[in-house]
């Protein structure tokens, strides 16, 4: 688990040092998510700043640090999560001529974005993730979240400042953000015993929905952004109904075993020791056994 945070200040009144300091303060508000490293980056000309707190899992060297720039320098990203198929993507990108300075999945994601563009690259990521990606050429910010929403990401407006982060604590750390409880959302909480996405407890703040991308273009002069889905659980279910598994019971058992083994194997790639939570249920017992 890592922590990401950042903002776009549309007043464009702050220098690079002030921007990076603010972004780092926002990220430090979730230091518990990333105790191993901290860093911030800013594009002062656009009023953009990204902050990061790292829990080091892959590529513990300086080559794995974030915020990370792509090979061309066009894209800069902070990212929380894991892309499990990064090794396969790396082989495909290397065959197309890409080269890499480290072995983190972050670097693979940036190379994929450079080659295929943001929406197409995200559709190829198999994993759990929340990211903020700044396109320095087109001056666009992208926020993205994994298909099932395993990794959290909040965003909203604080006057002329667009803020985002892994937790609401990040947003509260920005001096322009003045939290006000949304009483309608409070009613949702009392009714459901949780706050359903895309709502958040504060006015003007939202959770990014699972399986969506949000794009905000600085030069367009618009202070609103509407998330767009890149994946649909409904469409996947309909596809499964239209093309059902046709094997017998033994074949179904074998297919499920293959999927489970592949899934567990992909999640065991790390440069640090791994563990498994064993509660005694069927699911955790299966994972530990595999």
C-alpha atoms as a PDB file:
ATOM      1  CA  UNK A   1       0.000   0.000   0.000  1.00  0.00           C
ATOM      2  CA  UNK A   2       1.237   3.496  -0.891  1.00  0.00           C
ATOM      3  CA  UNK A   3      -0.205   6.976  -0.630  1.00  0.00           C
ATOM      4  CA  UNK A   4      -0.676   9.440  -3.483  1.00  0.00           C
ATOM      5  CA  UNK A   5      -1.791  13.056  -3.410  1.00  0.00           C
ATOM      6  CA  UNK A   6      -1.656  16.219  -5.465  1.00  0.00           C
ATOM      7  CA  UNK A   7      -3.452  19.178  -6.918  1.00  0.00           C
ATOM      8  CA  UNK A   8      -3.794  21.651  -9.769  1.00  0.00           C
ATOM      9  CA  UNK A   9      -3.820  25.298  -8.676  1.00  0.00           C
ATOM     10  CA  UNK A  10      -5.691  27.127 -11.426  1.00  0.00           C
ATOM     11  CA  UNK A  11      -4.710  30.489  -9.974  1.00  0.00           C
ATOM     12  CA  UNK A  12      -1.143  29.572 -11.002  1.00  0.00           C
ATOM     13  CA  UNK A  13       0.227  31.811  -8.257  1.00  0.00           C
ATOM     14  CA  UNK A  14       2.720  29.461  -6.589  1.00  0.00           C
ATOM     15  CA  UNK A  15       6.336  28.694  -7.407  1.00  0.00           C
ATOM     16  CA  UNK A  16       7.864  25.247  -7.754  1.00  0.00           C
ATOM     17  CA  UNK A  17       9.105  25.097  -4.152  1.00  0.00           C
ATOM     18  CA  UNK A  18       5.715  26.059  -2.730  1.00  0.00           C
ATOM     19  CA  UNK A  19       3.937  23.549  -4.965  1.00  0.00           C
ATOM     20  CA  UNK A  20       6.211  20.652  -3.998  1.00  0.00           C
ATOM     21  CA  UNK A  21       6.013  21.548  -0.296  1.00  0.00           C
ATOM     22  CA  UNK A  22       2.223  21.531  -0.384  1.00  0.00           C
ATOM     23  CA  UNK A  23       2.077  18.245  -2.313  1.00  0.00           C
ATOM     24  CA  UNK A  24       4.478  16.633   0.141  1.00  0.00           C
ATOM     25  CA  UNK A  25       2.395  17.830   3.091  1.00  0.00           C
ATOM     26  CA  UNK A  26      -0.685  16.283   1.497  1.00  0.00           C
ATOM     27  CA  UNK A  27       1.121  12.974   0.981  1.00  0.00           C
ATOM     28  CA  UNK A  28       2.620  13.043   4.482  1.00  0.00           C
ATOM     29  CA  UNK A  29      -0.913  13.119   5.879  1.00  0.00           C
ATOM     30  CA  UNK A  30      -1.050   9.431   4.887  1.00  0.00           C
ATOM     31  CA  UNK A  31       2.492   8.532   5.916  1.00  0.00           C
ATOM     32  CA  UNK A  32       1.139   5.296   7.406  1.00  0.00           C
ATOM     33  CA  UNK A  33       0.439   4.104   3.859  1.00  0.00           C
ATOM     34  CA  UNK A  34       4.067   4.539   2.803  1.00  0.00           C
ATOM     35  CA  UNK A  35       6.753   4.574   5.515  1.00  0.00           C
ATOM     36  CA  UNK A  36       9.714   3.784   3.233  1.00  0.00           C
ATOM     37  CA  UNK A  37      10.098   6.902   1.070  1.00  0.00           C
ATOM     38  CA  UNK A  38       8.611  10.333   0.385  1.00  0.00           C
ATOM     39  CA  UNK A  39       8.962  12.633  -2.587  1.00  0.00           C
ATOM     40  CA  UNK A  40       7.104  15.369  -4.473  1.00  0.00           C
ATOM     41  CA  UNK A  41       7.298  16.920  -7.939  1.00  0.00           C
ATOM     42  CA  UNK A  42       5.809  20.023  -9.563  1.00  0.00           C
ATOM     43  CA  UNK A  43       5.190  21.549 -12.959  1.00  0.00           C
ATOM     44  CA  UNK A  44       5.144  25.193 -11.895  1.00  0.00           C
ATOM     45  CA  UNK A  45       4.076  26.499 -15.307  1.00  0.00           C
ATOM     46  CA  UNK A  46       0.830  24.533 -15.046  1.00  0.00           C
ATOM     47  CA  UNK A  47       0.306  24.775 -11.279  1.00  0.00           C
ATOM     48  CA  UNK A  48       0.480  20.983 -10.949  1.00  0.00           C
ATOM     49  CA  UNK A  49       2.039  19.112  -8.025  1.00  0.00           C
ATOM     50  CA  UNK A  50       2.254  15.406  -7.168  1.00  0.00           C
ATOM     51  CA  UNK A  51       3.168  13.893  -3.811  1.00  0.00           C
ATOM     52  CA  UNK A  52       3.973  10.314  -2.836  1.00  0.00           C
ATOM     53  CA  UNK A  53       4.509   8.060   0.176  1.00  0.00           C
ATOM     54  CA  UNK A  54       6.002   4.681  -0.669  1.00  0.00           C
ATOM     55  CA  UNK A  55       5.769   1.196   0.725  1.00  0.00           C
ATOM     56  CA  UNK A  56       8.586  -0.448  -1.233  1.00  0.00           C
ATOM     57  CA  UNK A  57       7.656  -3.809  -2.796  1.00  0.00           C
ATOM     58  CA  UNK A  58       9.192  -3.852  -6.286  1.00  0.00           C
ATOM     59  CA  UNK A  59      12.550  -2.331  -7.292  1.00  0.00           C
ATOM     60  CA  UNK A  60      13.865  -0.959  -4.006  1.00  0.00           C
ATOM     61  CA  UNK A  61      16.539   1.022  -5.859  1.00  0.00           C
ATOM     62  CA  UNK A  62      16.290   4.742  -6.741  1.00  0.00           C
ATOM     63  CA  UNK A  63      14.990   3.603 -10.168  1.00  0.00           C
ATOM     64  CA  UNK A  64      11.719   2.675  -8.470  1.00  0.00           C
ATOM     65  CA  UNK A  65      11.085   6.035  -6.804  1.00  0.00           C
ATOM     66  CA  UNK A  66       7.976   8.109  -7.440  1.00  0.00           C
ATOM     67  CA  UNK A  67       6.825  10.522  -8.735  1.00  0.00           C
ATOM     68  CA  UNK A  68       8.280   8.846 -11.807  1.00  0.00           C
ATOM     69  CA  UNK A  69       8.725  10.317 -15.277  1.00  0.00           C
ATOM     70  CA  UNK A  70       8.379   8.331 -18.494  1.00  0.00           C
ATOM     71  CA  UNK A  71      11.405   7.728 -20.712  1.00  0.00           C
ATOM     72  CA  UNK A  72      10.574  10.729 -22.895  1.00  0.00           C
ATOM     73  CA  UNK A  73       9.745  12.934 -19.914  1.00  0.00           C
ATOM     74  CA  UNK A  74       6.254  13.611 -21.245  1.00  0.00           C
ATOM     75  CA  UNK A  75       4.374  11.797 -18.470  1.00  0.00           C
ATOM     76  CA  UNK A  76       4.851  11.955 -14.697  1.00  0.00           C
ATOM     77  CA  UNK A  77       2.935   9.596 -12.414  1.00  0.00           C
ATOM     78  CA  UNK A  78       2.233   8.706  -8.805  1.00  0.00           C
ATOM     79  CA  UNK A  79       0.641   5.327  -8.318  1.00  0.00           C
ATOM     80  CA  UNK A  80      -0.633   3.084  -5.537  1.00  0.00           C
ATOM     81  CA  UNK A  81      -1.073  -0.631  -6.167  1.00  0.00           C
ATOM     82  CA  UNK A  82       0.257  -3.434  -8.309  1.00  0.00           C
ATOM     83  CA  UNK A  83      -0.080  -4.341 -11.987  1.00  0.00           C
ATOM     84  CA  UNK A  84       0.274  -8.104 -11.946  1.00  0.00           C
ATOM     85  CA  UNK A  85       0.903  -8.613 -15.655  1.00  0.00           C
ATOM     86  CA  UNK A  86       3.738  -6.065 -15.824  1.00  0.00           C
ATOM     87  CA  UNK A  87       6.298  -8.727 -16.825  1.00  0.00           C
ATOM     88  CA  UNK A  88       4.268  -9.717 -19.894  1.00  0.00           C
ATOM     89  CA  UNK A  89       3.747  -6.081 -20.808  1.00  0.00           C
ATOM     90  CA  UNK A  90       7.474  -5.438 -20.414  1.00  0.00           C
ATOM     91  CA  UNK A  91       8.352  -8.239 -22.846  1.00  0.00           C
ATOM     92  CA  UNK A  92       5.900  -6.837 -25.400  1.00  0.00           C
ATOM     93  CA  UNK A  93       7.245  -3.304 -24.983  1.00  0.00           C
ATOM     94  CA  UNK A  94      10.860  -4.455 -25.229  1.00  0.00           C
ATOM     95  CA  UNK A  95      10.027  -6.297 -28.452  1.00  0.00           C
ATOM     96  CA  UNK A  96       8.726  -2.958 -29.753  1.00  0.00           C
ATOM     97  CA  UNK A  97      12.013  -1.244 -28.895  1.00  0.00           C
ATOM     98  CA  UNK A  98      11.481   0.077 -25.370  1.00  0.00           C
ATOM     99  CA  UNK A  99      14.293  -0.042 -22.806  1.00  0.00           C
ATOM    100  CA  UNK A 100      14.071   0.241 -19.025  1.00  0.00           C
ATOM    101  CA  UNK A 101      16.327   1.572 -16.269  1.00  0.00           C
ATOM    102  CA  UNK A 102      14.740  -0.488 -13.474  1.00  0.00           C
ATOM    103  CA  UNK A 103      12.247  -3.306 -12.940  1.00  0.00           C
ATOM    104  CA  UNK A 104       9.245  -1.663 -11.297  1.00  0.00           C
ATOM    105  CA  UNK A 105       5.702  -2.003 -12.584  1.00  0.00           C
ATOM    106  CA  UNK A 106       5.434   1.803 -12.414  1.00  0.00           C
ATOM    107  CA  UNK A 107       7.983   2.160 -15.195  1.00  0.00           C
ATOM    108  CA  UNK A 108       6.115  -0.411 -17.298  1.00  0.00           C
ATOM    109  CA  UNK A 109       2.859   1.496 -16.869  1.00  0.00           C
ATOM    110  CA  UNK A 110       4.481   4.720 -18.065  1.00  0.00           C
ATOM    111  CA  UNK A 111       6.003   2.980 -21.090  1.00  0.00           C
ATOM    112  CA  UNK A 112       2.617   1.445 -21.901  1.00  0.00           C
ATOM    113  CA  UNK A 113       0.980   4.877 -21.761  1.00  0.00           C
ATOM    114  CA  UNK A 114       3.644   6.309 -24.069  1.00  0.00           C
ATOM    115  CA  UNK A 115       3.086   3.548 -26.618  1.00  0.00           C
ATOM    116  CA  UNK A 116      -0.688   3.004 -26.496  1.00  0.00           C
ATOM    117  CA  UNK A 117      -2.150   6.121 -24.873  1.00  0.00           C
ATOM    118  CA  UNK A 118      -3.850   6.343 -21.494  1.00  0.00           C
ATOM    119  CA  UNK A 119      -7.238   4.617 -22.063  1.00  0.00           C
ATOM    120  CA  UNK A 120      -5.812   1.761 -24.134  1.00  0.00           C
ATOM    121  CA  UNK A 121      -2.959   1.168 -21.695  1.00  0.00           C
ATOM    122  CA  UNK A 122      -5.233   1.122 -18.652  1.00  0.00           C
ATOM    123  CA  UNK A 123      -7.460  -1.486 -20.267  1.00  0.00           C
ATOM    124  CA  UNK A 124      -4.396  -3.742 -20.499  1.00  0.00           C
ATOM    125  CA  UNK A 125      -3.447  -3.429 -16.830  1.00  0.00           C
ATOM    126  CA  UNK A 126      -4.362  -6.461 -14.743  1.00  0.00           C
ATOM    127  CA  UNK A 127      -4.164  -5.367 -11.152  1.00  0.00           C
ATOM    128  CA  UNK A 128      -5.302  -3.118  -8.341  1.00  0.00           C
ATOM    129  CA  UNK A 129      -4.354   0.519  -8.684  1.00  0.00           C
ATOM    130  CA  UNK A 130      -5.116   4.183  -8.204  1.00  0.00           C
ATOM    131  CA  UNK A 131      -2.948   6.644 -10.094  1.00  0.00           C
ATOM    132  CA  UNK A 132      -2.515  10.279 -11.046  1.00  0.00           C
ATOM    133  CA  UNK A 133      -0.785  10.878 -14.378  1.00  0.00           C
ATOM    134  CA  UNK A 134       0.261  14.299 -15.638  1.00  0.00           C
ATOM    135  CA  UNK A 135       0.729  14.766 -19.397  1.00  0.00           C
ATOM    136  CA  UNK A 136       3.233  17.627 -19.688  1.00  0.00           C
ATOM    137  CA  UNK A 137       2.751  17.965 -23.443  1.00  0.00           C
ATOM    138  CA  UNK A 138      -1.056  18.187 -23.576  1.00  0.00           C
ATOM    139  CA  UNK A 139      -1.279  19.642 -20.042  1.00  0.00           C
ATOM    140  CA  UNK A 140      -3.832  17.087 -18.915  1.00  0.00           C
ATOM    141  CA  UNK A 141      -4.234  15.299 -15.621  1.00  0.00           C
ATOM    142  CA  UNK A 142      -5.588  11.751 -15.552  1.00  0.00           C
ATOM    143  CA  UNK A 143      -6.913  10.008 -12.470  1.00  0.00           C
ATOM    144  CA  UNK A 144      -7.571   6.274 -12.767  1.00  0.00           C
ATOM    145  CA  UNK A 145      -8.860   3.485 -10.546  1.00  0.00           C
ATOM    146  CA  UNK A 146      -8.851  -0.296 -10.927  1.00  0.00           C
ATOM    147  CA  UNK A 147     -11.848  -2.236 -12.153  1.00  0.00           C
ATOM    148  CA  UNK A 148     -13.210  -3.242  -8.732  1.00  0.00           C
ATOM    149  CA  UNK A 149     -12.086  -0.177  -6.788  1.00  0.00           C
ATOM    150  CA  UNK A 150      -9.639  -2.005  -4.528  1.00  0.00           C
ATOM    151  CA  UNK A 151      -7.403   1.054  -4.215  1.00  0.00           C
ATOM    152  CA  UNK A 152      -9.087   4.288  -3.047  1.00  0.00           C
ATOM    153  CA  UNK A 153      -8.941   7.700  -4.688  1.00  0.00           C
ATOM    154  CA  UNK A 154     -10.775  10.906  -3.719  1.00  0.00           C
ATOM    155  CA  UNK A 155     -10.983  14.175  -5.638  1.00  0.00           C
ATOM    156  CA  UNK A 156     -12.725  17.501  -5.453  1.00  0.00           C
ATOM    157  CA  UNK A 157     -12.522  21.283  -5.616  1.00  0.00           C
ATOM    158  CA  UNK A 158     -11.186  23.731  -3.057  1.00  0.00           C
ATOM    159  CA  UNK A 159     -12.011  27.051  -4.680  1.00  0.00           C
ATOM    160  CA  UNK A 160      -9.698  27.357  -7.684  1.00  0.00           C
ATOM    161  CA  UNK A 161      -7.704  24.286  -6.674  1.00  0.00           C
ATOM    162  CA  UNK A 162      -8.444  20.741  -7.847  1.00  0.00           C
ATOM    163  CA  UNK A 163      -7.250  18.330  -5.146  1.00  0.00           C
ATOM    164  CA  UNK A 164      -6.963  14.554  -4.969  1.00  0.00           C
ATOM    165  CA  UNK A 165      -5.517  11.861  -2.757  1.00  0.00           C
ATOM    166  CA  UNK A 166      -5.674   8.313  -1.443  1.00  0.00           C
ATOM    167  CA  UNK A 167      -7.560   9.454   1.653  1.00  0.00           C
ATOM    168  CA  UNK A 168      -9.578  12.478   2.711  1.00  0.00           C
ATOM    169  CA  UNK A 169      -6.708  13.392   5.053  1.00  0.00           C
ATOM    170  CA  UNK A 170      -4.706  14.377   1.969  1.00  0.00           C
ATOM    171  CA  UNK A 171      -7.327  16.882   0.870  1.00  0.00           C
ATOM    172  CA  UNK A 172      -7.641  18.360   4.352  1.00  0.00           C
ATOM    173  CA  UNK A 173      -3.889  19.027   4.355  1.00  0.00           C
ATOM    174  CA  UNK A 174      -4.234  21.595   1.560  1.00  0.00           C
ATOM    175  CA  UNK A 175      -4.798  25.104   3.001  1.00  0.00           C
ATOM    176  CA  UNK A 176      -7.418  25.956   0.377  1.00  0.00           C
ATOM    177  CA  UNK A 177      -9.614  23.027   1.398  1.00  0.00           C
ATOM    178  CA  UNK A 178     -12.228  23.880   4.021  1.00  0.00           C
ATOM    179  CA  UNK A 179     -14.187  20.698   4.791  1.00  0.00           C
ATOM    180  CA  UNK A 180     -17.940  20.990   5.150  1.00  0.00           C
ATOM    181  CA  UNK A 181     -20.060  17.946   5.979  1.00  0.00           C
ATOM    182  CA  UNK A 182     -22.524  17.057   3.230  1.00  0.00           C
ATOM    183  CA  UNK A 183     -25.752  16.427   5.142  1.00  0.00           C
ATOM    184  CA  UNK A 184     -27.303  14.474   2.257  1.00  0.00           C
ATOM    185  CA  UNK A 185     -24.339  12.107   2.259  1.00  0.00           C
ATOM    186  CA  UNK A 186     -24.555  11.856   6.037  1.00  0.00           C
ATOM    187  CA  UNK A 187     -28.115  10.619   5.554  1.00  0.00           C
ATOM    188  CA  UNK A 188     -26.808   7.972   3.125  1.00  0.00           C
ATOM    189  CA  UNK A 189     -24.313   6.854   5.740  1.00  0.00           C
ATOM    190  CA  UNK A 190     -26.991   6.513   8.409  1.00  0.00           C
ATOM    191  CA  UNK A 191     -29.188   4.565   5.999  1.00  0.00           C
ATOM    192  CA  UNK A 192     -26.576   2.171   4.561  1.00  0.00           C
ATOM    193  CA  UNK A 193     -23.932   2.172   7.331  1.00  0.00           C
ATOM    194  CA  UNK A 194     -21.331   3.231   4.746  1.00  0.00           C
ATOM    195  CA  UNK A 195     -20.957   5.951   2.125  1.00  0.00           C
ATOM    196  CA  UNK A 196     -21.549   4.583  -1.400  1.00  0.00           C
ATOM    197  CA  UNK A 197     -19.393   5.822  -4.277  1.00  0.00           C
ATOM    198  CA  UNK A 198     -19.195   8.345  -5.857  1.00  0.00           C
ATOM    199  CA  UNK A 199     -20.134  10.247  -2.705  1.00  0.00           C
ATOM    200  CA  UNK A 200     -17.847  11.364   0.108  1.00  0.00           C
ATOM    201  CA  UNK A 201     -18.675  12.880   3.480  1.00  0.00           C
ATOM    202  CA  UNK A 202     -17.481  16.360   2.436  1.00  0.00           C
ATOM    203  CA  UNK A 203     -19.260  18.751   0.094  1.00  0.00           C
ATOM    204  CA  UNK A 204     -17.658  18.971  -3.350  1.00  0.00           C
ATOM    205  CA  UNK A 205     -15.639  15.782  -2.886  1.00  0.00           C
ATOM    206  CA  UNK A 206     -16.139  12.448  -4.638  1.00  0.00           C
ATOM    207  CA  UNK A 207     -14.711   8.965  -4.697  1.00  0.00           C
ATOM    208  CA  UNK A 208     -13.514   8.050  -8.168  1.00  0.00           C
ATOM    209  CA  UNK A 209     -15.733   5.187  -9.282  1.00  0.00           C
ATOM    210  CA  UNK A 210     -14.122   1.793  -9.962  1.00  0.00           C
ATOM    211  CA  UNK A 211     -13.205   1.140 -13.578  1.00  0.00           C
ATOM    212  CA  UNK A 212     -13.180   4.815 -14.545  1.00  0.00           C
ATOM    213  CA  UNK A 213     -10.784   7.474 -15.783  1.00  0.00           C
ATOM    214  CA  UNK A 214     -11.087  11.163 -15.019  1.00  0.00           C
ATOM    215  CA  UNK A 215      -9.430  13.662 -17.357  1.00  0.00           C
ATOM    216  CA  UNK A 216      -8.845  17.328 -16.559  1.00  0.00           C
ATOM    217  CA  UNK A 217      -7.302  19.628 -19.152  1.00  0.00           C
ATOM    218  CA  UNK A 218      -5.681  22.748 -17.730  1.00  0.00           C
ATOM    219  CA  UNK A 219      -5.812  24.873 -20.873  1.00  0.00           C
ATOM    220  CA  UNK A 220      -9.469  24.108 -21.553  1.00  0.00           C
ATOM    221  CA  UNK A 221     -10.381  26.493 -18.774  1.00  0.00           C
ATOM    222  CA  UNK A 222     -13.096  24.238 -17.398  1.00  0.00           C
ATOM    223  CA  UNK A 223     -13.260  23.497 -13.721  1.00  0.00           C
ATOM    224  CA  UNK A 224     -15.180  20.276 -13.868  1.00  0.00           C
ATOM    225  CA  UNK A 225     -14.301  16.747 -14.850  1.00  0.00           C
ATOM    226  CA  UNK A 226     -16.629  13.817 -15.492  1.00  0.00           C
ATOM    227  CA  UNK A 227     -15.207  10.298 -14.970  1.00  0.00           C
ATOM    228  CA  UNK A 228     -15.570   7.998 -17.962  1.00  0.00           C
ATOM    229  CA  UNK A 229     -15.753   4.191 -17.609  1.00  0.00           C
ATOM    230  CA  UNK A 230     -13.128   2.051 -19.300  1.00  0.00           C
ATOM    231  CA  UNK A 231     -14.580  -1.253 -17.999  1.00  0.00           C
ATOM    232  CA  UNK A 232     -18.076  -2.511 -17.164  1.00  0.00           C
ATOM    233  CA  UNK A 233     -18.939  -5.397 -14.839  1.00  0.00           C
ATOM    234  CA  UNK A 234     -22.343  -5.588 -16.514  1.00  0.00           C
ATOM    235  CA  UNK A 235     -20.798  -6.027 -19.950  1.00  0.00           C
ATOM    236  CA  UNK A 236     -18.502  -8.749 -18.640  1.00  0.00           C
ATOM    237  CA  UNK A 237     -21.455 -10.610 -17.105  1.00  0.00           C
ATOM    238  CA  UNK A 238     -23.443 -10.337 -20.329  1.00  0.00           C
ATOM    239  CA  UNK A 239     -20.460 -11.628 -22.284  1.00  0.00           C
ATOM    240  CA  UNK A 240     -20.213 -14.615 -19.952  1.00  0.00           C
ATOM    241  CA  UNK A 241     -23.895 -15.407 -20.358  1.00  0.00           C
ATOM    242  CA  UNK A 242     -23.579 -15.177 -24.152  1.00  0.00           C
ATOM    243  CA  UNK A 243     -20.544 -17.475 -24.215  1.00  0.00           C
ATOM    244  CA  UNK A 244     -20.873 -19.926 -21.282  1.00  0.00           C
ATOM    245  CA  UNK A 245     -18.311 -22.544 -20.283  1.00  0.00           C
ATOM    246  CA  UNK A 246     -19.164 -25.744 -22.188  1.00  0.00           C
ATOM    247  CA  UNK A 247     -16.910 -28.284 -20.467  1.00  0.00           C
ATOM    248  CA  UNK A 248     -17.947 -30.982 -18.011  1.00  0.00           C
ATOM    249  CA  UNK A 249     -17.451 -30.871 -14.245  1.00  0.00           C
ATOM    250  CA  UNK A 250     -13.898 -32.209 -14.337  1.00  0.00           C
ATOM    251  CA  UNK A 251     -12.905 -29.655 -16.954  1.00  0.00           C
ATOM    252  CA  UNK A 252     -14.492 -26.891 -14.906  1.00  0.00           C
ATOM    253  CA  UNK A 253     -12.506 -27.944 -11.835  1.00  0.00           C
ATOM    254  CA  UNK A 254      -9.279 -27.979 -13.865  1.00  0.00           C
ATOM    255  CA  UNK A 255      -9.995 -24.560 -15.387  1.00  0.00           C
ATOM    256  CA  UNK A 256     -10.730 -23.056 -11.961  1.00  0.00           C
ATOM    257  CA  UNK A 257      -7.541 -24.586 -10.555  1.00  0.00           C
ATOM    258  CA  UNK A 258      -5.502 -23.052 -13.378  1.00  0.00           C
ATOM    259  CA  UNK A 259      -7.039 -19.617 -12.818  1.00  0.00           C
ATOM    260  CA  UNK A 260      -6.471 -19.732  -9.062  1.00  0.00           C
ATOM    261  CA  UNK A 261      -2.844 -20.848  -9.427  1.00  0.00           C
ATOM    262  CA  UNK A 262      -2.130 -18.149 -11.999  1.00  0.00           C
ATOM    263  CA  UNK A 263      -3.768 -15.513  -9.794  1.00  0.00           C
ATOM    264  CA  UNK A 264      -1.778 -16.466  -6.690  1.00  0.00           C
ATOM    265  CA  UNK A 265       1.478 -16.761  -8.668  1.00  0.00           C
ATOM    266  CA  UNK A 266       1.099 -13.249 -10.085  1.00  0.00           C
ATOM    267  CA  UNK A 267       0.640 -11.798  -6.604  1.00  0.00           C
ATOM    268  CA  UNK A 268       3.836 -13.358  -5.242  1.00  0.00           C
ATOM    269  CA  UNK A 269       6.225 -11.177  -7.286  1.00  0.00           C
ATOM    270  CA  UNK A 270       8.113  -8.945  -4.829  1.00  0.00           C
ATOM    271  CA  UNK A 271      11.580  -7.864  -3.737  1.00  0.00           C
ATOM    272  CA  UNK A 272      10.621  -8.175  -0.056  1.00  0.00           C
ATOM    273  CA  UNK A 273       9.290 -11.102   2.045  1.00  0.00           C
ATOM    274  CA  UNK A 274       5.663 -12.075   1.491  1.00  0.00           C
ATOM    275  CA  UNK A 275       2.996 -13.367   3.837  1.00  0.00           C
ATOM    276  CA  UNK A 276      -0.593 -14.549   3.652  1.00  0.00           C
ATOM    277  CA  UNK A 277      -3.516 -13.816   5.952  1.00  0.00           C
ATOM    278  CA  UNK A 278      -5.087 -17.091   7.082  1.00  0.00           C
ATOM    279  CA  UNK A 279      -8.470 -16.721   8.779  1.00  0.00           C
ATOM    280  CA  UNK A 280      -9.505 -20.362   8.320  1.00  0.00           C
ATOM    281  CA  UNK A 281     -12.142 -19.735   5.674  1.00  0.00           C
ATOM    282  CA  UNK A 282     -12.328 -21.409   2.287  1.00  0.00           C
ATOM    283  CA  UNK A 283     -10.837 -18.467   0.385  1.00  0.00           C
ATOM    284  CA  UNK A 284      -7.787 -17.768   2.567  1.00  0.00           C
ATOM    285  CA  UNK A 285      -7.131 -21.490   3.092  1.00  0.00           C
ATOM    286  CA  UNK A 286      -7.109 -22.000  -0.685  1.00  0.00           C
ATOM    287  CA  UNK A 287      -4.642 -19.130  -1.177  1.00  0.00           C
ATOM    288  CA  UNK A 288      -2.271 -20.423   1.515  1.00  0.00           C
ATOM    289  CA  UNK A 289      -2.461 -23.964   0.136  1.00  0.00           C
ATOM    290  CA  UNK A 290      -1.641 -22.825  -3.381  1.00  0.00           C
END
